Amino acid sequence: MNPYEKIPPAEIQFFKEKVQRWVKIDNQIMELEAQLRELKKVRSKELEPQITVFMTQNNISDLNTENGKLRCKEKRTKQALNKNNIRLNLSKYLSEDKVDSAITDMWNNREEKVTYQIQKIKN
C-alpha cells in the first residue's frame, strides 16, 4: 500500500509547492554564498594582508575612512586542541599508558548532539 494514498491531494499539492520553493531558495543561497566566498577571499587573502603590513610598518593603528574607522590590532589565539596536543601535554604528567587510556576515553565518550536537516543530493 502506498503511504501517499492516505494524504488528500490538496495537502500533497501544498507540500509540493513548499518543496519547490525550498529548492529554489536553496539554489539562490548557493549562488549568493559562492559570491560571498569569493568576496571574502579577496578581502582576507589579498587586501587585508597588504593593508595590515602597511599599517604596522608605518605604526598606524587607526585609519579614518568615509565608512568609519579601521583599526589594525594584534590578535593572539590559542591553537585548537587535538589528539597530538593533548597527548604532548598529558605526557608531561602521566605515563604513556595512562595518556593513551585518557585520550581514548575522552575521544570515545564525547557527547553527541542529534539534529535534523534537509539536504539536497546531487545526481
PDB file of N, CA and C in Angstrom:
ATOM      1  N   MET A   1       0.841  -1.191   0.000  1.00  0.00           N
ATOM      2  CA  MET A   1       0.000   0.000   0.000  1.00  0.00           C
ATOM      3  C   MET A   1       0.881   1.248   0.000  1.00  0.00           C
ATOM      4  N   ASN A   2       0.576   2.164  -0.858  1.00  0.00           N
ATOM      5  CA  ASN A   2       1.314   3.411  -0.992  1.00  0.00           C
ATOM      6  C   ASN A   2       0.949   4.352   0.156  1.00  0.00           C
ATOM      7  N   PRO A   3       1.943   4.845   0.917  1.00  0.00           N
ATOM      8  CA  PRO A   3       1.627   5.724   2.062  1.00  0.00           C
ATOM      9  C   PRO A   3       1.024   7.055   1.631  1.00  0.00           C
ATOM     10  N   TYR A   4       1.224   7.450   0.366  1.00  0.00           N
ATOM     11  CA  TYR A   4       0.705   8.732  -0.114  1.00  0.00           C
ATOM     12  C   TYR A   4      -0.792   8.676  -0.421  1.00  0.00           C
ATOM     13  N   GLU A   5      -1.363   7.462  -0.502  1.00  0.00           N
ATOM     14  CA  GLU A   5      -2.788   7.330  -0.812  1.00  0.00           C
ATOM     15  C   GLU A   5      -3.671   7.916   0.286  1.00  0.00           C
ATOM     16  N   LYS A   6      -3.177   7.946   1.506  1.00  0.00           N
ATOM     17  CA  LYS A   6      -3.969   8.454   2.635  1.00  0.00           C
ATOM     18  C   LYS A   6      -3.957   9.983   2.707  1.00  0.00           C
ATOM     19  N   ILE A   7      -3.016  10.625   2.017  1.00  0.00           N
ATOM     20  CA  ILE A   7      -2.884  12.074   2.091  1.00  0.00           C
ATOM     21  C   ILE A   7      -3.791  12.713   1.042  1.00  0.00           C
ATOM     22  N   PRO A   8      -4.628  13.679   1.459  1.00  0.00           N
ATOM     23  CA  PRO A   8      -5.512  14.357   0.499  1.00  0.00           C
ATOM     24  C   PRO A   8      -4.695  15.062  -0.594  1.00  0.00           C
ATOM     25  N   PRO A   9      -5.197  15.087  -1.834  1.00  0.00           N
ATOM     26  CA  PRO A   9      -4.473  15.715  -2.945  1.00  0.00           C
ATOM     27  C   PRO A   9      -4.121  17.182  -2.689  1.00  0.00           C
ATOM     28  N   ALA A  10      -4.985  17.915  -2.015  1.00  0.00           N
ATOM     29  CA  ALA A  10      -4.706  19.327  -1.735  1.00  0.00           C
ATOM     30  C   ALA A  10      -3.474  19.461  -0.844  1.00  0.00           C
ATOM     31  N   GLU A  11      -3.337  18.578   0.128  1.00  0.00           N
ATOM     32  CA  GLU A  11      -2.166  18.626   1.008  1.00  0.00           C
ATOM     33  C   GLU A  11      -0.896  18.238   0.260  1.00  0.00           C
ATOM     34  N   ILE A  12      -1.004  17.269  -0.640  1.00  0.00           N
ATOM     35  CA  ILE A  12       0.154  16.876  -1.435  1.00  0.00           C
ATOM     36  C   ILE A  12       0.596  18.038  -2.319  1.00  0.00           C
ATOM     37  N   GLN A  13      -0.371  18.730  -2.943  1.00  0.00           N
ATOM     38  CA  GLN A  13      -0.039  19.879  -3.794  1.00  0.00           C
ATOM     39  C   GLN A  13       0.623  20.984  -2.975  1.00  0.00           C
ATOM     40  N   PHE A  14       0.071  21.251  -1.779  1.00  0.00           N
ATOM     41  CA  PHE A  14       0.640  22.258  -0.885  1.00  0.00           C
ATOM     42  C   PHE A  14       2.079  21.881  -0.523  1.00  0.00           C
ATOM     43  N   PHE A  15       2.287  20.601  -0.220  1.00  0.00           N
ATOM     44  CA  PHE A  15       3.613  20.105   0.128  1.00  0.00           C
ATOM     45  C   PHE A  15       4.578  20.256  -1.045  1.00  0.00           C
ATOM     46  N   LYS A  16       4.150  19.893  -2.256  1.00  0.00           N
ATOM     47  CA  LYS A  16       4.997  20.015  -3.446  1.00  0.00           C
ATOM     48  C   LYS A  16       5.418  21.457  -3.680  1.00  0.00           C
ATOM     49  N   GLU A  17       4.487  22.399  -3.484  1.00  0.00           N
ATOM     50  CA  GLU A  17       4.809  23.817  -3.656  1.00  0.00           C
ATOM     51  C   GLU A  17       5.863  24.256  -2.645  1.00  0.00           C
ATOM     52  N   LYS A  18       5.735  23.786  -1.414  1.00  0.00           N
ATOM     53  CA  LYS A  18       6.723  24.131  -0.380  1.00  0.00           C
ATOM     54  C   LYS A  18       8.098  23.571  -0.739  1.00  0.00           C
ATOM     55  N   VAL A  19       8.124  22.337  -1.234  1.00  0.00           N
ATOM     56  CA  VAL A  19       9.395  21.719  -1.612  1.00  0.00           C
ATOM     57  C   VAL A  19      10.015  22.475  -2.783  1.00  0.00           C
ATOM     58  N   GLN A  20       9.222  22.829  -3.784  1.00  0.00           N
ATOM     59  CA  GLN A  20       9.729  23.598  -4.927  1.00  0.00           C
ATOM     60  C   GLN A  20      10.287  24.944  -4.473  1.00  0.00           C
ATOM     61  N   ARG A  21       9.587  25.591  -3.568  1.00  0.00           N
ATOM     62  CA  ARG A  21      10.063  26.883  -3.047  1.00  0.00           C
ATOM     63  C   ARG A  21      11.366  26.695  -2.282  1.00  0.00           C
ATOM     64  N   TRP A  22      11.451  25.627  -1.482  1.00  0.00           N
ATOM     65  CA  TRP A  22      12.655  25.341  -0.714  1.00  0.00           C
ATOM     66  C   TRP A  22      13.841  25.142  -1.653  1.00  0.00           C
ATOM     67  N   VAL A  23      13.641  24.365  -2.732  1.00  0.00           N
ATOM     68  CA  VAL A  23      14.716  24.096  -3.686  1.00  0.00           C
ATOM     69  C   VAL A  23      15.148  25.386  -4.371  1.00  0.00           C
ATOM     70  N   LYS A  24      14.195  26.224  -4.770  1.00  0.00           N
ATOM     71  CA  LYS A  24      14.516  27.490  -5.422  1.00  0.00           C
ATOM     72  C   LYS A  24      15.336  28.390  -4.488  1.00  0.00           C
ATOM     73  N   ILE A  25      14.918  28.509  -3.246  1.00  0.00           N
ATOM     74  CA  ILE A  25      15.638  29.331  -2.265  1.00  0.00           C
ATOM     75  C   ILE A  25      17.014  28.735  -1.986  1.00  0.00           C
ATOM     76  N   ASP A  26      17.101  27.411  -1.905  1.00  0.00           N
ATOM     77  CA  ASP A  26      18.384  26.758  -1.673  1.00  0.00           C
ATOM     78  C   ASP A  26      19.354  27.062  -2.808  1.00  0.00           C
ATOM     79  N   ASN A  27      18.880  27.048  -4.041  1.00  0.00           N
ATOM     80  CA  ASN A  27      19.734  27.382  -5.189  1.00  0.00           C
ATOM     81  C   ASN A  27      20.203  28.831  -5.123  1.00  0.00           C
ATOM     82  N   GLN A  28      19.299  29.739  -4.753  1.00  0.00           N
ATOM     83  CA  GLN A  28      19.673  31.152  -4.616  1.00  0.00           C
ATOM     84  C   GLN A  28      20.739  31.320  -3.541  1.00  0.00           C
ATOM     85  N   ILE A  29      20.558  30.636  -2.428  1.00  0.00           N
ATOM     86  CA  ILE A  29      21.521  30.709  -1.322  1.00  0.00           C
ATOM     87  C   ILE A  29      22.889  30.211  -1.785  1.00  0.00           C
ATOM     88  N   MET A  30      22.908  29.100  -2.526  1.00  0.00           N
ATOM     89  CA  MET A  30      24.184  28.556  -3.010  1.00  0.00           C
ATOM     90  C   MET A  30      24.892  29.557  -3.923  1.00  0.00           C
ATOM     91  N   GLU A  31      24.157  30.222  -4.793  1.00  0.00           N
ATOM     92  CA  GLU A  31      24.751  31.215  -5.690  1.00  0.00           C
ATOM     93  C   GLU A  31      25.311  32.399  -4.899  1.00  0.00           C
ATOM     94  N   LEU A  32      24.527  32.896  -3.946  1.00  0.00           N
ATOM     95  CA  LEU A  32      24.980  34.034  -3.151  1.00  0.00           C
ATOM     96  C   LEU A  32      26.164  33.671  -2.260  1.00  0.00           C
ATOM     97  N   GLU A  33      26.150  32.458  -1.704  1.00  0.00           N
ATOM     98  CA  GLU A  33      27.272  32.028  -0.866  1.00  0.00           C
ATOM     99  C   GLU A  33      28.548  31.922  -1.683  1.00  0.00           C
ATOM    100  N   ALA A  34      28.444  31.496  -2.942  1.00  0.00           N
ATOM    101  CA  ALA A  34      29.622  31.416  -3.803  1.00  0.00           C
ATOM    102  C   ALA A  34      30.184  32.815  -4.048  1.00  0.00           C
ATOM    103  N   GLN A  35      29.307  33.775  -4.298  1.00  0.00           N
ATOM    104  CA  GLN A  35      29.744  35.160  -4.482  1.00  0.00           C
ATOM    105  C   GLN A  35      30.387  35.692  -3.203  1.00  0.00           C
ATOM    106  N   LEU A  36      29.756  35.403  -2.080  1.00  0.00           N
ATOM    107  CA  LEU A  36      30.256  35.867  -0.791  1.00  0.00           C
ATOM    108  C   LEU A  36      31.630  35.264  -0.486  1.00  0.00           C
ATOM    109  N   ARG A  37      31.805  33.971  -0.765  1.00  0.00           N
ATOM    110  CA  ARG A  37      33.109  33.322  -0.547  1.00  0.00           C
ATOM    111  C   ARG A  37      34.199  34.008  -1.363  1.00  0.00           C
ATOM    112  N   GLU A  38      33.882  34.337  -2.616  1.00  0.00           N
ATOM    113  CA  GLU A  38      34.867  34.986  -3.480  1.00  0.00           C
ATOM    114  C   GLU A  38      35.231  36.369  -2.939  1.00  0.00           C
ATOM    115  N   LEU A  39      34.231  37.147  -2.523  1.00  0.00           N
ATOM    116  CA  LEU A  39      34.500  38.478  -1.966  1.00  0.00           C
ATOM    117  C   LEU A  39      35.319  38.392  -0.686  1.00  0.00           C
ATOM    118  N   LYS A  40      34.977  37.454   0.179  1.00  0.00           N
ATOM    119  CA  LYS A  40      35.720  37.291   1.430  1.00  0.00           C
ATOM    120  C   LYS A  40      37.157  36.860   1.161  1.00  0.00           C
ATOM    121  N   LYS A  41      37.351  36.027   0.132  1.00  0.00           N
ATOM    122  CA  LYS A  41      38.695  35.577  -0.213  1.00  0.00           C
ATOM    123  C   LYS A  41      39.551  36.764  -0.652  1.00  0.00           C
ATOM    124  N   VAL A  42      39.002  37.620  -1.484  1.00  0.00           N
ATOM    125  CA  VAL A  42      39.745  38.800  -1.939  1.00  0.00           C
ATOM    126  C   VAL A  42      40.055  39.702  -0.751  1.00  0.00           C
ATOM    127  N   ARG A  43      39.049  39.916   0.102  1.00  0.00           N
ATOM    128  CA  ARG A  43      39.239  40.801   1.252  1.00  0.00           C
ATOM    129  C   ARG A  43      40.301  40.263   2.212  1.00  0.00           C
ATOM    130  N   SER A  44      40.182  38.982   2.586  1.00  0.00           N
ATOM    131  CA  SER A  44      41.051  38.470   3.642  1.00  0.00           C
ATOM    132  C   SER A  44      42.398  37.951   3.150  1.00  0.00           C
ATOM    133  N   LYS A  45      42.466  37.425   1.937  1.00  0.00           N
ATOM    134  CA  LYS A  45      43.724  36.845   1.451  1.00  0.00           C
ATOM    135  C   LYS A  45      44.561  37.822   0.642  1.00  0.00           C
ATOM    136  N   GLU A  46      43.921  38.787   0.018  1.00  0.00           N
ATOM    137  CA  GLU A  46      44.653  39.706  -0.845  1.00  0.00           C
ATOM    138  C   GLU A  46      44.804  41.087  -0.213  1.00  0.00           C
ATOM    139  N   LEU A  47      43.686  41.716   0.128  1.00  0.00           N
ATOM    140  CA  LEU A  47      43.729  43.108   0.581  1.00  0.00           C
ATOM    141  C   LEU A  47      44.159  43.268   2.036  1.00  0.00           C
ATOM    142  N   GLU A  48      43.597  42.476   2.925  1.00  0.00           N
ATOM    143  CA  GLU A  48      43.892  42.644   4.352  1.00  0.00           C
ATOM    144  C   GLU A  48      45.372  42.495   4.682  1.00  0.00           C
ATOM    145  N   PRO A  49      46.057  41.471   4.144  1.00  0.00           N
ATOM    146  CA  PRO A  49      47.492  41.383   4.452  1.00  0.00           C
ATOM    147  C   PRO A  49      48.281  42.609   3.969  1.00  0.00           C
ATOM    148  N   GLN A  50      47.948  43.116   2.799  1.00  0.00           N
ATOM    149  CA  GLN A  50      48.646  44.291   2.283  1.00  0.00           C
ATOM    150  C   GLN A  50      48.385  45.516   3.167  1.00  0.00           C
ATOM    151  N   ILE A  51      47.145  45.693   3.583  1.00  0.00           N
ATOM    152  CA  ILE A  51      46.776  46.843   4.419  1.00  0.00           C
ATOM    153  C   ILE A  51      47.435  46.734   5.787  1.00  0.00           C
ATOM    154  N   THR A  52      47.388  45.542   6.404  1.00  0.00           N
ATOM    155  CA  THR A  52      47.966  45.394   7.746  1.00  0.00           C
ATOM    156  C   THR A  52      49.484  45.552   7.728  1.00  0.00           C
ATOM    157  N   VAL A  53      50.142  45.055   6.687  1.00  0.00           N
ATOM    158  CA  VAL A  53      51.597  45.237   6.584  1.00  0.00           C
ATOM    159  C   VAL A  53      51.932  46.720   6.513  1.00  0.00           C
ATOM    160  N   PHE A  54      51.225  47.449   5.670  1.00  0.00           N
ATOM    161  CA  PHE A  54      51.469  48.885   5.547  1.00  0.00           C
ATOM    162  C   PHE A  54      51.236  49.600   6.872  1.00  0.00           C
ATOM    163  N   MET A  55      50.110  49.272   7.533  1.00  0.00           N
ATOM    164  CA  MET A  55      49.771  49.948   8.785  1.00  0.00           C
ATOM    165  C   MET A  55      50.780  49.631   9.885  1.00  0.00           C
ATOM    166  N   THR A  56      51.204  48.366   9.984  1.00  0.00           N
ATOM    167  CA  THR A  56      52.158  48.018  11.041  1.00  0.00           C
ATOM    168  C   THR A  56      53.542  48.588  10.752  1.00  0.00           C
ATOM    169  N   GLN A  57      53.964  48.577   9.499  1.00  0.00           N
ATOM    170  CA  GLN A  57      55.284  49.126   9.148  1.00  0.00           C
ATOM    171  C   GLN A  57      55.342  50.633   9.399  1.00  0.00           C
ATOM    172  N   ASN A  58      54.207  51.299   9.253  1.00  0.00           N
ATOM    173  CA  ASN A  58      54.162  52.745   9.421  1.00  0.00           C
ATOM    174  C   ASN A  58      53.558  53.166  10.758  1.00  0.00           C
ATOM    175  N   ASN A  59      53.400  52.183  11.667  1.00  0.00           N
ATOM    176  CA  ASN A  59      52.900  52.440  13.013  1.00  0.00           C
ATOM    177  C   ASN A  59      51.551  53.184  13.008  1.00  0.00           C
ATOM    178  N   ILE A  60      50.664  52.725  12.134  1.00  0.00           N
ATOM    179  CA  ILE A  60      49.312  53.292  12.047  1.00  0.00           C
ATOM    180  C   ILE A  60      48.357  52.298  12.695  1.00  0.00           C
ATOM    181  N   SER A  61      47.698  52.718  13.774  1.00  0.00           N
ATOM    182  CA  SER A  61      46.769  51.799  14.432  1.00  0.00           C
ATOM    183  C   SER A  61      45.326  52.048  14.008  1.00  0.00           C
ATOM    184  N   ASP A  62      44.960  53.294  13.724  1.00  0.00           N
ATOM    185  CA  ASP A  62      43.602  53.635  13.310  1.00  0.00           C
ATOM    186  C   ASP A  62      43.646  54.408  12.002  1.00  0.00           C
ATOM    187  N   LEU A  63      42.639  54.152  11.176  1.00  0.00           N
ATOM    188  CA  LEU A  63      42.557  54.814   9.883  1.00  0.00           C
ATOM    189  C   LEU A  63      41.118  55.257   9.669  1.00  0.00           C
ATOM    190  N   ASN A  64      40.908  56.545   9.448  1.00  0.00           N
ATOM    191  CA  ASN A  64      39.563  57.057   9.200  1.00  0.00           C
ATOM    192  C   ASN A  64      39.214  56.880   7.727  1.00  0.00           C
ATOM    193  N   THR A  65      38.023  56.351   7.459  1.00  0.00           N
ATOM    194  CA  THR A  65      37.522  56.207   6.091  1.00  0.00           C
ATOM    195  C   THR A  65      36.145  56.852   6.021  1.00  0.00           C
ATOM    196  N   GLU A  66      35.610  56.948   4.832  1.00  0.00           N
ATOM    197  CA  GLU A  66      34.265  57.501   4.660  1.00  0.00           C
ATOM    198  C   GLU A  66      33.217  56.627   5.346  1.00  0.00           C
ATOM    199  N   ASN A  67      33.515  55.345   5.479  1.00  0.00           N
ATOM    200  CA  ASN A  67      32.555  54.396   6.065  1.00  0.00           C
ATOM    201  C   ASN A  67      32.854  54.058   7.519  1.00  0.00           C
ATOM    202  N   GLY A  68      33.718  54.807   8.145  1.00  0.00           N
ATOM    203  CA  GLY A  68      34.045  54.548   9.541  1.00  0.00           C
ATOM    204  C   GLY A  68      35.530  54.324   9.717  1.00  0.00           C
ATOM    205  N   LYS A  69      35.895  53.958  10.926  1.00  0.00           N
ATOM    206  CA  LYS A  69      37.299  53.819  11.294  1.00  0.00           C
ATOM    207  C   LYS A  69      37.732  52.365  11.133  1.00  0.00           C
ATOM    208  N   LEU A  70      38.926  52.180  10.588  1.00  0.00           N
ATOM    209  CA  LEU A  70      39.548  50.859  10.533  1.00  0.00           C
ATOM    210  C   LEU A  70      40.648  50.817  11.580  1.00  0.00           C
ATOM    211  N   ARG A  71      40.695  49.730  12.311  1.00  0.00           N
ATOM    212  CA  ARG A  71      41.719  49.565  13.339  1.00  0.00           C
ATOM    213  C   ARG A  71      42.538  48.317  13.032  1.00  0.00           C
ATOM    214  N   CYS A  72      43.840  48.476  13.067  1.00  0.00           N
ATOM    215  CA  CYS A  72      44.752  47.347  12.909  1.00  0.00           C
ATOM    216  C   CYS A  72      45.187  46.941  14.314  1.00  0.00           C
ATOM    217  N   LYS A  73      44.738  45.773  14.746  1.00  0.00           N
ATOM    218  CA  LYS A  73      45.095  45.342  16.088  1.00  0.00           C
ATOM    219  C   LYS A  73      45.688  43.940  16.055  1.00  0.00           C
ATOM    220  N   GLU A  74      46.504  43.676  17.016  1.00  0.00           N
ATOM    221  CA  GLU A  74      47.117  42.360  17.139  1.00  0.00           C
ATOM    222  C   GLU A  74      46.138  41.435  17.833  1.00  0.00           C
ATOM    223  N   LYS A  75      45.999  40.237  17.301  1.00  0.00           N
ATOM    224  CA  LYS A  75      45.093  39.254  17.883  1.00  0.00           C
ATOM    225  C   LYS A  75      45.876  37.972  18.123  1.00  0.00           C
ATOM    226  N   ARG A  76      45.848  37.515  19.344  1.00  0.00           N
ATOM    227  CA  ARG A  76      46.535  36.263  19.682  1.00  0.00           C
ATOM    228  C   ARG A  76      45.484  35.218  20.015  1.00  0.00           C
ATOM    229  N   THR A  77      45.641  34.023  19.433  1.00  0.00           N
ATOM    230  CA  THR A  77      44.700  32.933  19.689  1.00  0.00           C
ATOM    231  C   THR A  77      45.480  31.686  20.068  1.00  0.00           C
ATOM    232  N   LYS A  78      44.843  30.845  20.809  1.00  0.00           N
ATOM    233  CA  LYS A  78      45.434  29.568  21.190  1.00  0.00           C
ATOM    234  C   LYS A  78      45.152  28.549  20.094  1.00  0.00           C
ATOM    235  N   GLN A  79      46.088  27.636  19.892  1.00  0.00           N
ATOM    236  CA  GLN A  79      45.897  26.565  18.932  1.00  0.00           C
ATOM    237  C   GLN A  79      44.765  25.668  19.417  1.00  0.00           C
ATOM    238  N   ALA A  80      43.970  25.156  18.500  1.00  0.00           N
ATOM    239  CA  ALA A  80      42.870  24.265  18.848  1.00  0.00           C
ATOM    240  C   ALA A  80      43.408  22.981  19.481  1.00  0.00           C
ATOM    241  N   LEU A  81      42.624  22.426  20.388  1.00  0.00           N
ATOM    242  CA  LEU A  81      43.016  21.155  20.997  1.00  0.00           C
ATOM    243  C   LEU A  81      42.816  20.029  19.993  1.00  0.00           C
ATOM    244  N   ASN A  82      43.786  19.141  19.929  1.00  0.00           N
ATOM    245  CA  ASN A  82      43.670  17.946  19.108  1.00  0.00           C
ATOM    246  C   ASN A  82      44.372  16.811  19.838  1.00  0.00           C
ATOM    247  N   LYS A  83      44.291  15.631  19.288  1.00  0.00           N
ATOM    248  CA  LYS A  83      44.875  14.472  19.975  1.00  0.00           C
ATOM    249  C   LYS A  83      46.371  14.650  20.238  1.00  0.00           C
ATOM    250  N   ASN A  84      47.086  15.150  19.255  1.00  0.00           N
ATOM    251  CA  ASN A  84      48.540  15.302  19.432  1.00  0.00           C
ATOM    252  C   ASN A  84      48.877  16.310  20.515  1.00  0.00           C
ATOM    253  N   ASN A  85      48.153  17.439  20.537  1.00  0.00           N
ATOM    254  CA  ASN A  85      48.386  18.466  21.533  1.00  0.00           C
ATOM    255  C   ASN A  85      48.070  17.934  22.935  1.00  0.00           C
ATOM    256  N   ILE A  86      46.956  17.250  23.062  1.00  0.00           N
ATOM    257  CA  ILE A  86      46.559  16.686  24.356  1.00  0.00           C
ATOM    258  C   ILE A  86      47.585  15.644  24.804  1.00  0.00           C
ATOM    259  N   ARG A  87      48.000  14.773  23.874  1.00  0.00           N
ATOM    260  CA  ARG A  87      48.982  13.733  24.201  1.00  0.00           C
ATOM    261  C   ARG A  87      50.294  14.359  24.686  1.00  0.00           C
ATOM    262  N   LEU A  88      50.774  15.355  23.976  1.00  0.00           N
ATOM    263  CA  LEU A  88      52.036  16.011  24.326  1.00  0.00           C
ATOM    264  C   LEU A  88      51.978  16.612  25.728  1.00  0.00           C
ATOM    265  N   ASN A  89      50.885  17.312  26.039  1.00  0.00           N
ATOM    266  CA  ASN A  89      50.788  17.970  27.336  1.00  0.00           C
ATOM    267  C   ASN A  89      50.522  16.996  28.472  1.00  0.00           C
ATOM    268  N   LEU A  90      49.706  15.966  28.222  1.00  0.00           N
ATOM    269  CA  LEU A  90      49.466  14.979  29.279  1.00  0.00           C
ATOM    270  C   LEU A  90      50.706  14.142  29.573  1.00  0.00           C
ATOM    271  N   SER A  91      51.530  13.909  28.547  1.00  0.00           N
ATOM    272  CA  SER A  91      52.719  13.073  28.761  1.00  0.00           C
ATOM    273  C   SER A  91      53.728  13.724  29.702  1.00  0.00           C
ATOM    274  N   LYS A  92      53.582  15.018  29.949  1.00  0.00           N
ATOM    275  CA  LYS A  92      54.453  15.691  30.916  1.00  0.00           C
ATOM    276  C   LYS A  92      54.128  15.256  32.344  1.00  0.00           C
ATOM    277  N   TYR A  93      52.883  14.785  32.552  1.00  0.00           N
ATOM    278  CA  TYR A  93      52.423  14.488  33.915  1.00  0.00           C
ATOM    279  C   TYR A  93      52.068  13.018  34.134  1.00  0.00           C
ATOM    280  N   LEU A  94      51.795  12.296  33.044  1.00  0.00           N
ATOM    281  CA  LEU A  94      51.328  10.916  33.185  1.00  0.00           C
ATOM    282  C   LEU A  94      52.204   9.966  32.374  1.00  0.00           C
ATOM    283  N   SER A  95      52.130   8.678  32.728  1.00  0.00           N
ATOM    284  CA  SER A  95      52.847   7.669  31.949  1.00  0.00           C
ATOM    285  C   SER A  95      52.160   7.506  30.589  1.00  0.00           C
ATOM    286  N   GLU A  96      52.890   6.917  29.650  1.00  0.00           N
ATOM    287  CA  GLU A  96      52.382   6.757  28.282  1.00  0.00           C
ATOM    288  C   GLU A  96      51.086   5.940  28.252  1.00  0.00           C
ATOM    289  N   ASP A  97      51.010   4.871  29.084  1.00  0.00           N
ATOM    290  CA  ASP A  97      49.798   4.045  29.135  1.00  0.00           C
ATOM    291  C   ASP A  97      48.592   4.850  29.603  1.00  0.00           C
ATOM    292  N   LYS A  98      48.799   5.665  30.635  1.00  0.00           N
ATOM    293  CA  LYS A  98      47.700   6.477  31.163  1.00  0.00           C
ATOM    294  C   LYS A  98      47.284   7.552  30.157  1.00  0.00           C
ATOM    295  N   VAL A  99      48.248   8.109  29.440  1.00  0.00           N
ATOM    296  CA  VAL A  99      47.946   9.111  28.422  1.00  0.00           C
ATOM    297  C   VAL A  99      47.080   8.496  27.327  1.00  0.00           C
ATOM    298  N   ASP A 100      47.497   7.332  26.826  1.00  0.00           N
ATOM    299  CA  ASP A 100      46.731   6.657  25.773  1.00  0.00           C
ATOM    300  C   ASP A 100      45.322   6.322  26.246  1.00  0.00           C
ATOM    301  N   SER A 101      45.215   5.827  27.459  1.00  0.00           N
ATOM    302  CA  SER A 101      43.914   5.466  28.020  1.00  0.00           C
ATOM    303  C   SER A 101      43.023   6.695  28.184  1.00  0.00           C
ATOM    304  N   ALA A 102      43.597   7.783  28.675  1.00  0.00           N
ATOM    305  CA  ALA A 102      42.829   9.009  28.887  1.00  0.00           C
ATOM    306  C   ALA A 102      42.343   9.586  27.556  1.00  0.00           C
ATOM    307  N   ILE A 103      43.205   9.614  26.563  1.00  0.00           N
ATOM    308  CA  ILE A 103      42.823  10.166  25.261  1.00  0.00           C
ATOM    309  C   ILE A 103      41.743   9.307  24.605  1.00  0.00           C
ATOM    310  N   THR A 104      41.915   7.997  24.655  1.00  0.00           N
ATOM    311  CA  THR A 104      40.908   7.101  24.082  1.00  0.00           C
ATOM    312  C   THR A 104      39.570   7.295  24.766  1.00  0.00           C
ATOM    313  N   ASP A 105      39.593   7.382  26.086  1.00  0.00           N
ATOM    314  CA  ASP A 105      38.360   7.573  26.845  1.00  0.00           C
ATOM    315  C   ASP A 105      37.693   8.901  26.497  1.00  0.00           C
ATOM    316  N   MET A 106      38.481   9.972  26.423  1.00  0.00           N
ATOM    317  CA  MET A 106      37.916  11.289  26.077  1.00  0.00           C
ATOM    318  C   MET A 106      37.330  11.270  24.673  1.00  0.00           C
ATOM    319  N   TRP A 107      38.047  10.673  23.742  1.00  0.00           N
ATOM    320  CA  TRP A 107      37.607  10.678  22.337  1.00  0.00           C
ATOM    321  C   TRP A 107      36.343   9.847  22.146  1.00  0.00           C
ATOM    322  N   ASN A 108      36.255   8.722  22.831  1.00  0.00           N
ATOM    323  CA  ASN A 108      35.110   7.821  22.656  1.00  0.00           C
ATOM    324  C   ASN A 108      33.882   8.230  23.452  1.00  0.00           C
ATOM    325  N   ASN A 109      34.052   9.051  24.481  1.00  0.00           N
ATOM    326  CA  ASN A 109      32.928   9.397  25.347  1.00  0.00           C
ATOM    327  C   ASN A 109      32.478  10.840  25.205  1.00  0.00           C
ATOM    328  N   ARG A 110      32.745  11.428  24.045  1.00  0.00           N
ATOM    329  CA  ARG A 110      32.255  12.785  23.802  1.00  0.00           C
ATOM    330  C   ARG A 110      30.745  12.751  23.627  1.00  0.00           C
ATOM    331  N   GLU A 111      30.104  13.804  24.085  1.00  0.00           N
ATOM    332  CA  GLU A 111      28.650  13.902  23.973  1.00  0.00           C
ATOM    333  C   GLU A 111      28.260  14.084  22.512  1.00  0.00           C
ATOM    334  N   GLU A 112      27.205  13.381  22.105  1.00  0.00           N
ATOM    335  CA  GLU A 112      26.701  13.508  20.745  1.00  0.00           C
ATOM    336  C   GLU A 112      25.449  14.356  20.739  1.00  0.00           C
ATOM    337  N   LYS A 113      25.345  15.189  19.739  1.00  0.00           N
ATOM    338  CA  LYS A 113      24.175  16.032  19.569  1.00  0.00           C
ATOM    339  C   LYS A 113      23.496  15.608  18.272  1.00  0.00           C
ATOM    340  N   VAL A 114      22.189  15.365  18.313  1.00  0.00           N
ATOM    341  CA  VAL A 114      21.448  14.927  17.137  1.00  0.00           C
ATOM    342  C   VAL A 114      20.569  16.068  16.655  1.00  0.00           C
ATOM    343  N   THR A 115      20.718  16.414  15.382  1.00  0.00           N
ATOM    344  CA  THR A 115      19.864  17.412  14.754  1.00  0.00           C
ATOM    345  C   THR A 115      19.391  16.851  13.420  1.00  0.00           C
ATOM    346  N   TYR A 116      18.358  17.455  12.870  1.00  0.00           N
ATOM    347  CA  TYR A 116      17.833  17.015  11.581  1.00  0.00           C
ATOM    348  C   TYR A 116      17.799  18.197  10.635  1.00  0.00           C
ATOM    349  N   GLN A 117      18.128  17.941   9.386  1.00  0.00           N
ATOM    350  CA  GLN A 117      18.081  18.996   8.392  1.00  0.00           C
ATOM    351  C   GLN A 117      17.810  18.375   7.032  1.00  0.00           C
ATOM    352  N   ILE A 118      17.374  19.185   6.114  1.00  0.00           N
ATOM    353  CA  ILE A 118      17.133  18.736   4.753  1.00  0.00           C
ATOM    354  C   ILE A 118      18.405  18.937   3.960  1.00  0.00           C
ATOM    355  N   GLN A 119      18.774  17.943   3.171  1.00  0.00           N
ATOM    356  CA  GLN A 119      19.985  18.032   2.383  1.00  0.00           C
ATOM    357  C   GLN A 119      19.648  17.670   0.942  1.00  0.00           C
ATOM    358  N   LYS A 120      20.108  18.491   0.029  1.00  0.00           N
ATOM    359  CA  LYS A 120      19.864  18.220  -1.380  1.00  0.00           C
ATOM    360  C   LYS A 120      20.980  17.314  -1.879  1.00  0.00           C
ATOM    361  N   ILE A 121      20.610  16.191  -2.499  1.00  0.00           N
ATOM    362  CA  ILE A 121      21.561  15.217  -3.010  1.00  0.00           C
ATOM    363  C   ILE A 121      21.760  15.484  -4.498  1.00  0.00           C
ATOM    364  N   LYS A 122      23.018  15.629  -4.894  1.00  0.00           N
ATOM    365  CA  LYS A 122      23.306  15.888  -6.303  1.00  0.00           C
ATOM    366  C   LYS A 122      23.299  14.548  -7.049  1.00  0.00           C
ATOM    367  N   ASN A 123      22.661  14.548  -8.208  1.00  0.00           N
ATOM    368  CA  ASN A 123      22.565  13.309  -9.009  1.00  0.00           C
ATOM    369  C   ASN A 123      23.781  13.089  -9.857  1.00  0.00           C
TER     370      ASN A 123
END
